[in-house]
Amino acid sequence: MAYILQVDFKMDGPFGDQMAQEFSDIAKGINEEEGFLWKIWTEDSEAKEAGGIYLFKSKESAQKYLIMHTERLKGFGIEPVNGKIFQVNEGLTQINNGPIK
């Protein structure tokens, strides 16, 4: 069973190409997290918000990552961090070509 972690937070930037350049080491590190499958990075420079949609192999690995990531963001002066974990309905997601594996 797969689990989605949805995270969002306010931040002043960077966004776009500058964000991709400055956060590339963090992105590479996420690949090493236990149970991690993939992440879609999200941003809205006008609203000054960023975050991501993650897929994890288990609820426990998603929870563990959310705790660690929240603490990391607090260290950057970013709070509050909004995080929600959802169980994926694999049958319906497959009908809509969702990347759940």
PDB file of N, CA and C in Angstrom:
ATOM      1  N   MET A   1       0.848  -1.183   0.000  1.00  0.00           N
ATOM      2  CA  MET A   1       0.000   0.000   0.000  1.00  0.00           C
ATOM      3  C   MET A   1       0.890   1.241   0.000  1.00  0.00           C
ATOM      4  N   ALA A   2       0.582   2.189  -0.862  1.00  0.00           N
ATOM      5  CA  ALA A   2       1.356   3.420  -0.969  1.00  0.00           C
ATOM      6  C   ALA A   2       0.658   4.551  -0.219  1.00  0.00           C
ATOM      7  N   TYR A   3       1.462   5.537   0.207  1.00  0.00           N
ATOM      8  CA  TYR A   3       0.950   6.686   0.946  1.00  0.00           C
ATOM      9  C   TYR A   3       1.482   7.974   0.349  1.00  0.00           C
ATOM     10  N   ILE A   4       0.580   8.933   0.184  1.00  0.00           N
ATOM     11  CA  ILE A   4       0.935  10.269  -0.289  1.00  0.00           C
ATOM     12  C   ILE A   4       1.170  11.164   0.925  1.00  0.00           C
ATOM     13  N   LEU A   5       2.235  11.941   0.871  1.00  0.00           N
ATOM     14  CA  LEU A   5       2.490  12.994   1.849  1.00  0.00           C
ATOM     15  C   LEU A   5       2.376  14.315   1.100  1.00  0.00           C
ATOM     16  N   GLN A   6       1.501  15.170   1.573  1.00  0.00           N
ATOM     17  CA  GLN A   6       1.306  16.498   0.996  1.00  0.00           C
ATOM     18  C   GLN A   6       1.852  17.518   1.984  1.00  0.00           C
ATOM     19  N   VAL A   7       2.788  18.353   1.534  1.00  0.00           N
ATOM     20  CA  VAL A   7       3.423  19.352   2.401  1.00  0.00           C
ATOM     21  C   VAL A   7       3.353  20.712   1.710  1.00  0.00           C
ATOM     22  N   ASP A   8       3.023  21.749   2.500  1.00  0.00           N
ATOM     23  CA  ASP A   8       3.109  23.111   1.974  1.00  0.00           C
ATOM     24  C   ASP A   8       3.460  24.065   3.108  1.00  0.00           C
ATOM     25  N   PHE A   9       4.044  25.193   2.712  1.00  0.00           N
ATOM     26  CA  PHE A   9       4.490  26.191   3.681  1.00  0.00           C
ATOM     27  C   PHE A   9       4.738  27.505   2.960  1.00  0.00           C
ATOM     28  N   LYS A  10       4.734  28.587   3.715  1.00  0.00           N
ATOM     29  CA  LYS A  10       5.064  29.919   3.195  1.00  0.00           C
ATOM     30  C   LYS A  10       6.583  30.084   3.179  1.00  0.00           C
ATOM     31  N   MET A  11       7.089  30.712   2.126  1.00  0.00           N
ATOM     32  CA  MET A  11       8.505  31.078   2.082  1.00  0.00           C
ATOM     33  C   MET A  11       8.685  32.207   1.092  1.00  0.00           C
ATOM     34  N   ASP A  12       9.738  32.982   1.290  1.00  0.00           N
ATOM     35  CA  ASP A  12       9.997  34.139   0.441  1.00  0.00           C
ATOM     36  C   ASP A  12      10.725  33.784  -0.849  1.00  0.00           C
ATOM     37  N   GLY A  13      11.197  32.579  -0.982  1.00  0.00           N
ATOM     38  CA  GLY A  13      11.926  32.172  -2.179  1.00  0.00           C
ATOM     39  C   GLY A  13      13.175  31.449  -1.776  1.00  0.00           C
ATOM     40  N   PRO A  14      13.937  31.038  -2.706  1.00  0.00           N
ATOM     41  CA  PRO A  14      13.872  31.260  -4.142  1.00  0.00           C
ATOM     42  C   PRO A  14      12.806  30.380  -4.807  1.00  0.00           C
ATOM     43  N   PHE A  15      12.495  30.722  -6.064  1.00  0.00           N
ATOM     44  CA  PHE A  15      11.548  29.955  -6.858  1.00  0.00           C
ATOM     45  C   PHE A  15      12.136  29.705  -8.245  1.00  0.00           C
ATOM     46  N   GLY A  16      11.492  28.835  -9.000  1.00  0.00           N
ATOM     47  CA  GLY A  16      11.891  28.575 -10.383  1.00  0.00           C
ATOM     48  C   GLY A  16      13.274  27.972 -10.498  1.00  0.00           C
ATOM     49  N   ASP A  17      14.007  28.439 -11.497  1.00  0.00           N
ATOM     50  CA  ASP A  17      15.341  27.895 -11.770  1.00  0.00           C
ATOM     51  C   ASP A  17      16.292  28.091 -10.595  1.00  0.00           C
ATOM     52  N   GLN A  18      16.170  29.234  -9.916  1.00  0.00           N
ATOM     53  CA  GLN A  18      17.045  29.481  -8.765  1.00  0.00           C
ATOM     54  C   GLN A  18      16.759  28.474  -7.653  1.00  0.00           C
ATOM     55  N   MET A  19      15.489  28.153  -7.429  1.00  0.00           N
ATOM     56  CA  MET A  19      15.126  27.144  -6.434  1.00  0.00           C
ATOM     57  C   MET A  19      15.713  25.796  -6.819  1.00  0.00           C
ATOM     58  N   ALA A  20      15.590  25.442  -8.093  1.00  0.00           N
ATOM     59  CA  ALA A  20      16.123  24.159  -8.566  1.00  0.00           C
ATOM     60  C   ALA A  20      17.627  24.073  -8.330  1.00  0.00           C
ATOM     61  N   GLN A  21      18.324  25.156  -8.573  1.00  0.00           N
ATOM     62  CA  GLN A  21      19.770  25.165  -8.378  1.00  0.00           C
ATOM     63  C   GLN A  21      20.140  25.098  -6.898  1.00  0.00           C
ATOM     64  N   GLU A  22      19.515  25.927  -6.079  1.00  0.00           N
ATOM     65  CA  GLU A  22      19.889  26.014  -4.669  1.00  0.00           C
ATOM     66  C   GLU A  22      19.438  24.812  -3.839  1.00  0.00           C
ATOM     67  N   PHE A  23      18.380  24.133  -4.251  1.00  0.00           N
ATOM     68  CA  PHE A  23      17.856  23.012  -3.465  1.00  0.00           C
ATOM     69  C   PHE A  23      18.219  21.652  -4.051  1.00  0.00           C
ATOM     70  N   SER A  24      19.101  21.615  -5.030  1.00  0.00           N
ATOM     71  CA  SER A  24      19.418  20.332  -5.681  1.00  0.00           C
ATOM     72  C   SER A  24      20.048  19.323  -4.714  1.00  0.00           C
ATOM     73  N   ASP A  25      20.858  19.777  -3.768  1.00  0.00           N
ATOM     74  CA  ASP A  25      21.433  18.837  -2.797  1.00  0.00           C
ATOM     75  C   ASP A  25      20.365  18.256  -1.882  1.00  0.00           C
ATOM     76  N   ILE A  26      19.388  19.080  -1.490  1.00  0.00           N
ATOM     77  CA  ILE A  26      18.275  18.570  -0.683  1.00  0.00           C
ATOM     78  C   ILE A  26      17.491  17.551  -1.490  1.00  0.00           C
ATOM     79  N   ALA A  27      17.231  17.857  -2.765  1.00  0.00           N
ATOM     80  CA  ALA A  27      16.485  16.935  -3.625  1.00  0.00           C
ATOM     81  C   ALA A  27      17.200  15.587  -3.736  1.00  0.00           C
ATOM     82  N   LYS A  28      18.506  15.622  -3.908  1.00  0.00           N
ATOM     83  CA  LYS A  28      19.273  14.374  -4.003  1.00  0.00           C
ATOM     84  C   LYS A  28      19.200  13.592  -2.697  1.00  0.00           C
ATOM     85  N   GLY A  29      19.241  14.280  -1.574  1.00  0.00           N
ATOM     86  CA  GLY A  29      19.174  13.633  -0.273  1.00  0.00           C
ATOM     87  C   GLY A  29      17.829  12.967  -0.021  1.00  0.00           C
ATOM     88  N   ILE A  30      16.761  13.565  -0.522  1.00  0.00           N
ATOM     89  CA  ILE A  30      15.423  12.984  -0.346  1.00  0.00           C
ATOM     90  C   ILE A  30      15.370  11.589  -0.952  1.00  0.00           C
ATOM     91  N   ASN A  31      16.088  11.387  -2.042  1.00  0.00           N
ATOM     92  CA  ASN A  31      16.101  10.070  -2.690  1.00  0.00           C
ATOM     93  C   ASN A  31      16.604   8.961  -1.767  1.00  0.00           C
ATOM     94  N   GLU A  32      17.331   9.317  -0.739  1.00  0.00           N
ATOM     95  CA  GLU A  32      17.909   8.335   0.178  1.00  0.00           C
ATOM     96  C   GLU A  32      17.002   8.028   1.373  1.00  0.00           C
ATOM     97  N   GLU A  33      15.886   8.729   1.494  1.00  0.00           N
ATOM     98  CA  GLU A  33      15.008   8.537   2.644  1.00  0.00           C
ATOM     99  C   GLU A  33      14.327   7.167   2.590  1.00  0.00           C
ATOM    100  N   GLU A  34      14.186   6.567   3.751  1.00  0.00           N
ATOM    101  CA  GLU A  34      13.561   5.252   3.872  1.00  0.00           C
ATOM    102  C   GLU A  34      12.133   5.277   3.336  1.00  0.00           C
ATOM    103  N   GLY A  35      11.821   4.357   2.445  1.00  0.00           N
ATOM    104  CA  GLY A  35      10.472   4.213   1.920  1.00  0.00           C
ATOM    105  C   GLY A  35      10.073   5.221   0.862  1.00  0.00           C
ATOM    106  N   PHE A  36      10.964   6.129   0.500  1.00  0.00           N
ATOM    107  CA  PHE A  36      10.658   7.172  -0.483  1.00  0.00           C
ATOM    108  C   PHE A  36      10.599   6.585  -1.887  1.00  0.00           C
ATOM    109  N   LEU A  37       9.573   6.986  -2.659  1.00  0.00           N
ATOM    110  CA  LEU A  37       9.448   6.554  -4.057  1.00  0.00           C
ATOM    111  C   LEU A  37       9.624   7.704  -5.036  1.00  0.00           C
ATOM    112  N   TRP A  38       8.901   8.817  -4.815  1.00  0.00           N
ATOM    113  CA  TRP A  38       9.056   9.987  -5.681  1.00  0.00           C
ATOM    114  C   TRP A  38       8.501  11.237  -5.022  1.00  0.00           C
ATOM    115  N   LYS A  39       8.856  12.391  -5.612  1.00  0.00           N
ATOM    116  CA  LYS A  39       8.359  13.686  -5.142  1.00  0.00           C
ATOM    117  C   LYS A  39       8.080  14.579  -6.339  1.00  0.00           C
ATOM    118  N   ILE A  40       6.992  15.326  -6.252  1.00  0.00           N
ATOM    119  CA  ILE A  40       6.712  16.421  -7.174  1.00  0.00           C
ATOM    120  C   ILE A  40       6.855  17.707  -6.362  1.00  0.00           C
ATOM    121  N   TRP A  41       7.746  18.563  -6.786  1.00  0.00           N
ATOM    122  CA  TRP A  41       7.984  19.829  -6.100  1.00  0.00           C
ATOM    123  C   TRP A  41       6.918  20.837  -6.546  1.00  0.00           C
ATOM    124  N   THR A  42       6.373  21.593  -5.586  1.00  0.00           N
ATOM    125  CA  THR A  42       5.339  22.580  -5.899  1.00  0.00           C
ATOM    126  C   THR A  42       5.801  23.966  -5.454  1.00  0.00           C
ATOM    127  N   GLU A  43       5.343  24.982  -6.190  1.00  0.00           N
ATOM    128  CA  GLU A  43       5.684  26.356  -5.830  1.00  0.00           C
ATOM    129  C   GLU A  43       4.674  27.320  -6.421  1.00  0.00           C
ATOM    130  N   ASP A  44       4.480  28.432  -5.726  1.00  0.00           N
ATOM    131  CA  ASP A  44       3.648  29.531  -6.188  1.00  0.00           C
ATOM    132  C   ASP A  44       4.341  30.808  -5.736  1.00  0.00           C
ATOM    133  N   SER A  45       5.117  31.393  -6.636  1.00  0.00           N
ATOM    134  CA  SER A  45       5.923  32.566  -6.258  1.00  0.00           C
ATOM    135  C   SER A  45       5.056  33.766  -5.906  1.00  0.00           C
ATOM    136  N   GLU A  46       3.882  33.895  -6.534  1.00  0.00           N
ATOM    137  CA  GLU A  46       3.007  35.029  -6.217  1.00  0.00           C
ATOM    138  C   GLU A  46       2.447  34.923  -4.802  1.00  0.00           C
ATOM    139  N   ALA A  47       2.071  33.709  -4.395  1.00  0.00           N
ATOM    140  CA  ALA A  47       1.540  33.504  -3.042  1.00  0.00           C
ATOM    141  C   ALA A  47       2.644  33.263  -2.024  1.00  0.00           C
ATOM    142  N   LYS A  48       3.886  33.138  -2.518  1.00  0.00           N
ATOM    143  CA  LYS A  48       5.048  32.845  -1.670  1.00  0.00           C
ATOM    144  C   LYS A  48       4.825  31.557  -0.878  1.00  0.00           C
ATOM    145  N   GLU A  49       4.493  30.499  -1.624  1.00  0.00           N
ATOM    146  CA  GLU A  49       4.286  29.174  -1.042  1.00  0.00           C
ATOM    147  C   GLU A  49       5.080  28.146  -1.824  1.00  0.00           C
ATOM    148  N   ALA A  50       5.472  27.100  -1.113  1.00  0.00           N
ATOM    149  CA  ALA A  50       6.174  25.993  -1.751  1.00  0.00           C
ATOM    150  C   ALA A  50       5.816  24.718  -0.996  1.00  0.00           C
ATOM    151  N   GLY A  51       6.260  23.601  -1.532  1.00  0.00           N
ATOM    152  CA  GLY A  51       6.004  22.328  -0.876  1.00  0.00           C
ATOM    153  C   GLY A  51       6.236  21.181  -1.830  1.00  0.00           C
ATOM    154  N   GLY A  52       5.486  20.119  -1.598  1.00  0.00           N
ATOM    155  CA  GLY A  52       5.646  18.971  -2.457  1.00  0.00           C
ATOM    156  C   GLY A  52       4.606  17.902  -2.199  1.00  0.00           C
ATOM    157  N   ILE A  53       4.500  17.020  -3.170  1.00  0.00           N
ATOM    158  CA  ILE A  53       3.673  15.832  -3.081  1.00  0.00           C
ATOM    159  C   ILE A  53       4.637  14.652  -3.192  1.00  0.00           C
ATOM    160  N   TYR A  54       4.627  13.791  -2.173  1.00  0.00           N
ATOM    161  CA  TYR A  54       5.566  12.677  -2.084  1.00  0.00           C
ATOM    162  C   TYR A  54       4.797  11.364  -2.103  1.00  0.00           C
ATOM    163  N   LEU A  55       5.444  10.322  -2.579  1.00  0.00           N
ATOM    164  CA  LEU A  55       4.893   8.977  -2.460  1.00  0.00           C
ATOM    165  C   LEU A  55       5.874   8.136  -1.651  1.00  0.00           C
ATOM    166  N   PHE A  56       5.345   7.483  -0.610  1.00  0.00           N
ATOM    167  CA  PHE A  56       6.129   6.606   0.252  1.00  0.00           C
ATOM    168  C   PHE A  56       5.535   5.204   0.255  1.00  0.00           C
ATOM    169  N   LYS A  57       6.361   4.229   0.560  1.00  0.00           N
ATOM    170  CA  LYS A  57       5.934   2.829   0.609  1.00  0.00           C
ATOM    171  C   LYS A  57       5.056   2.525   1.808  1.00  0.00           C
ATOM    172  N   SER A  58       5.197   3.314   2.892  1.00  0.00           N
ATOM    173  CA  SER A  58       4.432   3.034   4.109  1.00  0.00           C
ATOM    174  C   SER A  58       4.061   4.332   4.802  1.00  0.00           C
ATOM    175  N   LYS A  59       3.024   4.255   5.617  1.00  0.00           N
ATOM    176  CA  LYS A  59       2.602   5.410   6.408  1.00  0.00           C
ATOM    177  C   LYS A  59       3.694   5.799   7.392  1.00  0.00           C
ATOM    178  N   GLU A  60       4.359   4.791   7.960  1.00  0.00           N
ATOM    179  CA  GLU A  60       5.420   5.047   8.941  1.00  0.00           C
ATOM    180  C   GLU A  60       6.578   5.831   8.316  1.00  0.00           C
ATOM    181  N   SER A  61       6.979   5.461   7.093  1.00  0.00           N
ATOM    182  CA  SER A  61       8.085   6.181   6.458  1.00  0.00           C
ATOM    183  C   SER A  61       7.666   7.607   6.094  1.00  0.00           C
ATOM    184  N   ALA A  62       6.412   7.812   5.703  1.00  0.00           N
ATOM    185  CA  ALA A  62       5.920   9.164   5.419  1.00  0.00           C
ATOM    186  C   ALA A  62       5.906  10.009   6.693  1.00  0.00           C
ATOM    187  N   GLN A  63       5.449   9.431   7.795  1.00  0.00           N
ATOM    188  CA  GLN A  63       5.424  10.154   9.067  1.00  0.00           C
ATOM    189  C   GLN A  63       6.826  10.513   9.530  1.00  0.00           C
ATOM    190  N   LYS A  64       7.745   9.568   9.414  1.00  0.00           N
ATOM    191  CA  LYS A  64       9.125   9.809   9.826  1.00  0.00           C
ATOM    192  C   LYS A  64       9.741  10.942   9.004  1.00  0.00           C
ATOM    193  N   TYR A  65       9.496  10.926   7.700  1.00  0.00           N
ATOM    194  CA  TYR A  65      10.023  11.979   6.847  1.00  0.00           C
ATOM    195  C   TYR A  65       9.404  13.329   7.198  1.00  0.00           C
ATOM    196  N   LEU A  66       8.094  13.363   7.419  1.00  0.00           N
ATOM    197  CA  LEU A  66       7.424  14.620   7.742  1.00  0.00           C
ATOM    198  C   LEU A  66       7.992  15.246   9.010  1.00  0.00           C
ATOM    199  N   ILE A  67       8.256  14.447  10.014  1.00  0.00           N
ATOM    200  CA  ILE A  67       8.845  14.956  11.259  1.00  0.00           C
ATOM    201  C   ILE A  67      10.225  15.559  10.987  1.00  0.00           C
ATOM    202  N   MET A  68      11.069  14.811  10.260  1.00  0.00           N
ATOM    203  CA  MET A  68      12.408  15.291   9.960  1.00  0.00           C
ATOM    204  C   MET A  68      12.361  16.560   9.108  1.00  0.00           C
ATOM    205  N   HIS A  69      11.508  16.570   8.097  1.00  0.00           N
ATOM    206  CA  HIS A  69      11.430  17.702   7.168  1.00  0.00           C
ATOM    207  C   HIS A  69      10.899  18.954   7.873  1.00  0.00           C
ATOM    208  N   THR A  70       9.925  18.773   8.740  1.00  0.00           N
ATOM    209  CA  THR A  70       9.390  19.896   9.510  1.00  0.00           C
ATOM    210  C   THR A  70      10.479  20.528  10.364  1.00  0.00           C
ATOM    211  N   GLU A  71      11.289  19.706  11.019  1.00  0.00           N
ATOM    212  CA  GLU A  71      12.397  20.225  11.834  1.00  0.00           C
ATOM    213  C   GLU A  71      13.438  20.934  10.966  1.00  0.00           C
ATOM    214  N   ARG A  72      13.730  20.381   9.796  1.00  0.00           N
ATOM    215  CA  ARG A  72      14.692  21.013   8.885  1.00  0.00           C
ATOM    216  C   ARG A  72      14.181  22.385   8.463  1.00  0.00           C
ATOM    217  N   LEU A  73      12.907  22.465   8.078  1.00  0.00           N
ATOM    218  CA  LEU A  73      12.343  23.748   7.656  1.00  0.00           C
ATOM    219  C   LEU A  73      12.322  24.756   8.790  1.00  0.00           C
ATOM    220  N   LYS A  74      12.019  24.309  10.000  1.00  0.00           N
ATOM    221  CA  LYS A  74      12.063  25.210  11.163  1.00  0.00           C
ATOM    222  C   LYS A  74      13.467  25.776  11.323  1.00  0.00           C
ATOM    223  N   GLY A  75      14.480  24.953  11.048  1.00  0.00           N
ATOM    224  CA  GLY A  75      15.861  25.413  11.111  1.00  0.00           C
ATOM    225  C   GLY A  75      16.166  26.507  10.103  1.00  0.00           C
ATOM    226  N   PHE A  76      15.409  26.552   9.011  1.00  0.00           N
ATOM    227  CA  PHE A  76      15.533  27.607   8.003  1.00  0.00           C
ATOM    228  C   PHE A  76      14.641  28.796   8.333  1.00  0.00           C
ATOM    229  N   GLY A  77      13.920  28.725   9.468  1.00  0.00           N
ATOM    230  CA  GLY A  77      13.017  29.796   9.850  1.00  0.00           C
ATOM    231  C   GLY A  77      11.652  29.709   9.190  1.00  0.00           C
ATOM    232  N   ILE A  78      11.325  28.546   8.648  1.00  0.00           N
ATOM    233  CA  ILE A  78      10.046  28.354   7.956  1.00  0.00           C
ATOM    234  C   ILE A  78       9.095  27.590   8.860  1.00  0.00           C
ATOM    235  N   GLU A  79       8.020  28.261   9.275  1.00  0.00           N
ATOM    236  CA  GLU A  79       6.944  27.618  10.001  1.00  0.00           C
ATOM    237  C   GLU A  79       5.709  28.508   9.956  1.00  0.00           C
ATOM    238  N   PRO A  80       4.536  27.953  10.024  1.00  0.00           N
ATOM    239  CA  PRO A  80       4.251  26.535  10.208  1.00  0.00           C
ATOM    240  C   PRO A  80       4.419  25.745   8.917  1.00  0.00           C
ATOM    241  N   VAL A  81       4.572  24.454   9.077  1.00  0.00           N
ATOM    242  CA  VAL A  81       4.634  23.510   7.971  1.00  0.00           C
ATOM    243  C   VAL A  81       3.358  22.684   8.027  1.00  0.00           C
ATOM    244  N   ASN A  82       2.623  22.668   6.930  1.00  0.00           N
ATOM    245  CA  ASN A  82       1.396  21.884   6.852  1.00  0.00           C
ATOM    246  C   ASN A  82       1.708  20.553   6.181  1.00  0.00           C
ATOM    247  N   GLY A  83       1.368  19.459   6.840  1.00  0.00           N
ATOM    248  CA  GLY A  83       1.608  18.137   6.272  1.00  0.00           C
ATOM    249  C   GLY A  83       0.427  17.223   6.508  1.00  0.00           C
ATOM    250  N   LYS A  84       0.028  16.497   5.460  1.00  0.00           N
ATOM    251  CA  LYS A  84      -1.052  15.520   5.554  1.00  0.00           C
ATOM    252  C   LYS A  84      -0.611  14.239   4.859  1.00  0.00           C
ATOM    253  N   ILE A  85      -1.025  13.122   5.431  1.00  0.00           N
ATOM    254  CA  ILE A  85      -0.704  11.815   4.857  1.00  0.00           C
ATOM    255  C   ILE A  85      -2.012  11.147   4.452  1.00  0.00           C
ATOM    256  N   PHE A  86      -2.027  10.638   3.222  1.00  0.00           N
ATOM    257  CA  PHE A  86      -3.204   9.976   2.683  1.00  0.00           C
ATOM    258  C   PHE A  86      -2.841   8.587   2.173  1.00  0.00           C
ATOM    259  N   GLN A  87      -3.695   7.627   2.412  1.00  0.00           N
ATOM    260  CA  GLN A  87      -3.551   6.310   1.798  1.00  0.00           C
ATOM    261  C   GLN A  87      -3.992   6.428   0.345  1.00  0.00           C
ATOM    262  N   VAL A  88      -3.266   5.782  -0.563  1.00  0.00           N
ATOM    263  CA  VAL A  88      -3.589   5.833  -1.980  1.00  0.00           C
ATOM    264  C   VAL A  88      -4.588   4.732  -2.311  1.00  0.00           C
ATOM    265  N   ASN A  89      -5.676   5.081  -2.992  1.00  0.00           N
ATOM    266  CA  ASN A  89      -6.589   4.086  -3.532  1.00  0.00           C
ATOM    267  C   ASN A  89      -5.987   3.644  -4.860  1.00  0.00           C
ATOM    268  N   GLU A  90      -5.284   2.521  -4.822  1.00  0.00           N
ATOM    269  CA  GLU A  90      -4.511   2.089  -5.982  1.00  0.00           C
ATOM    270  C   GLU A  90      -5.386   1.733  -7.175  1.00  0.00           C
ATOM    271  N   GLY A  91      -6.544   1.109  -6.943  1.00  0.00           N
ATOM    272  CA  GLY A  91      -7.414   0.734  -8.052  1.00  0.00           C
ATOM    273  C   GLY A  91      -7.867   1.926  -8.864  1.00  0.00           C
ATOM    274  N   LEU A  92      -8.365   2.945  -8.200  1.00  0.00           N
ATOM    275  CA  LEU A  92      -8.819   4.146  -8.909  1.00  0.00           C
ATOM    276  C   LEU A  92      -7.655   4.923  -9.496  1.00  0.00           C
ATOM    277  N   THR A  93      -6.561   4.979  -8.776  1.00  0.00           N
ATOM    278  CA  THR A  93      -5.385   5.710  -9.277  1.00  0.00           C
ATOM    279  C   THR A  93      -4.850   5.078 -10.550  1.00  0.00           C
ATOM    280  N   GLN A  94      -4.863   3.753 -10.638  1.00  0.00           N
ATOM    281  CA  GLN A  94      -4.407   3.077 -11.863  1.00  0.00           C
ATOM    282  C   GLN A  94      -5.295   3.411 -13.049  1.00  0.00           C
ATOM    283  N   ILE A  95      -6.598   3.543 -12.824  1.00  0.00           N
ATOM    284  CA  ILE A  95      -7.518   3.926 -13.908  1.00  0.00           C
ATOM    285  C   ILE A  95      -7.117   5.270 -14.488  1.00  0.00           C
ATOM    286  N   ASN A  96      -6.625   6.176 -13.638  1.00  0.00           N
ATOM    287  CA  ASN A  96      -6.250   7.515 -14.079  1.00  0.00           C
ATOM    288  C   ASN A  96      -4.752   7.676 -14.324  1.00  0.00           C
ATOM    289  N   ASN A  97      -4.038   6.536 -14.499  1.00  0.00           N
ATOM    290  CA  ASN A  97      -2.621   6.546 -14.860  1.00  0.00           C
ATOM    291  C   ASN A  97      -1.716   7.198 -13.817  1.00  0.00           C
ATOM    292  N   GLY A  98      -2.106   7.144 -12.545  1.00  0.00           N
ATOM    293  CA  GLY A  98      -1.283   7.720 -11.482  1.00  0.00           C
ATOM    294  C   GLY A  98      -0.032   6.893 -11.246  1.00  0.00           C
ATOM    295  N   PRO A  99       1.113   7.555 -11.074  1.00  0.00           N
ATOM    296  CA  PRO A  99       2.389   6.847 -10.861  1.00  0.00           C
ATOM    297  C   PRO A  99       2.531   6.390  -9.404  1.00  0.00           C
ATOM    298  N   ILE A 100       2.021   5.214  -9.095  1.00  0.00           N
ATOM    299  CA  ILE A 100       2.007   4.770  -7.703  1.00  0.00           C
ATOM    300  C   ILE A 100       3.009   3.680  -7.388  1.00  0.00           C
ATOM    301  N   LYS A 101       3.884   3.378  -8.288  1.00  0.00           N
ATOM    302  CA  LYS A 101       4.892   2.328  -8.041  1.00  0.00           C
ATOM    303  C   LYS A 101       6.272   2.901  -8.221  1.00  0.00           C
TER     304      LYS A 101
END
